[in-house]
Amino acid sequence: MVRIMRMPLFPLQMVLLPGIPAVLHIFEPRYRRMIRSCIEEKEDFGIVLYQGETIAKTGCTASIEGVITEYPDGRFDILVAGRERFKVNKFIEDKDYLEAEVELFSDTPAYGLTNLKKEAAEGMLTLSSLEDFPVESQNLLNLTAEDTSLLLAGTELFTTEEKQEHLESTDTVGRLERINKRLKERIRRRRAMKKVEDLLGGAVDFTVLRN
């Protein structure tokens, strides 16, 4: 079933993926109006990557989870969460902010993903233990393969350009394979760093060693 809708767009120098939270600082008057309208109407808006003069034609819907801070001059900070991916059919410029006709999409159905998905989830849990950041293990393990791949593709394991590639892809298998490879590299590097820290008896600033 094709799902097409009209949606306000927020071009940003970032890539949002489904399941990923983000804090946005809203300061331009036109986007203040856009976000206020979305809050009042309980509607989502779309985030698309904006680089130089180029606006990506694949983005992610963002649901507004709440207003964090309101400033006296009218600026405000909001918490959003990525929901669904979309492709822009056409841009609409009849307001002072950008809108578009968008088509929501998902990955191409695939089978036999259980082991790849389990490897990715367990890899992230291992990394979270090594780097001491929180992960809701049960929530992660209960996600579908597609949702797992999109969630992990939106983390800082990947660059902005790589995140956009993951966002546009409809290949769950390929995405999970890239995630598992990156997780293995990160875990191997982190374990090596931990051995050095244990030998030296404390934390080491490894960034100074790269120069």
Foldseek 3Di string as FASTA:
>chain_A
DKDKDKFFEDEDQFAAFAFDKDKDKDDDPVVLVVVVVCVVVQHWHWYFYDDDPDTAQKGFTWGWPAWDDADPVGITMTMIGTRFMWGFPAWDDPDPGIMGIIITDAADDDDDCVVLLVLLLVLVVLVCVLVVDDDPSVVSNPDDLRSNLRNLLRDPLDDRVSNVVNRPHRDSVVSSVVSSVSSVVSSVVSVVQVVVQVVVVHHDPCVVVVD
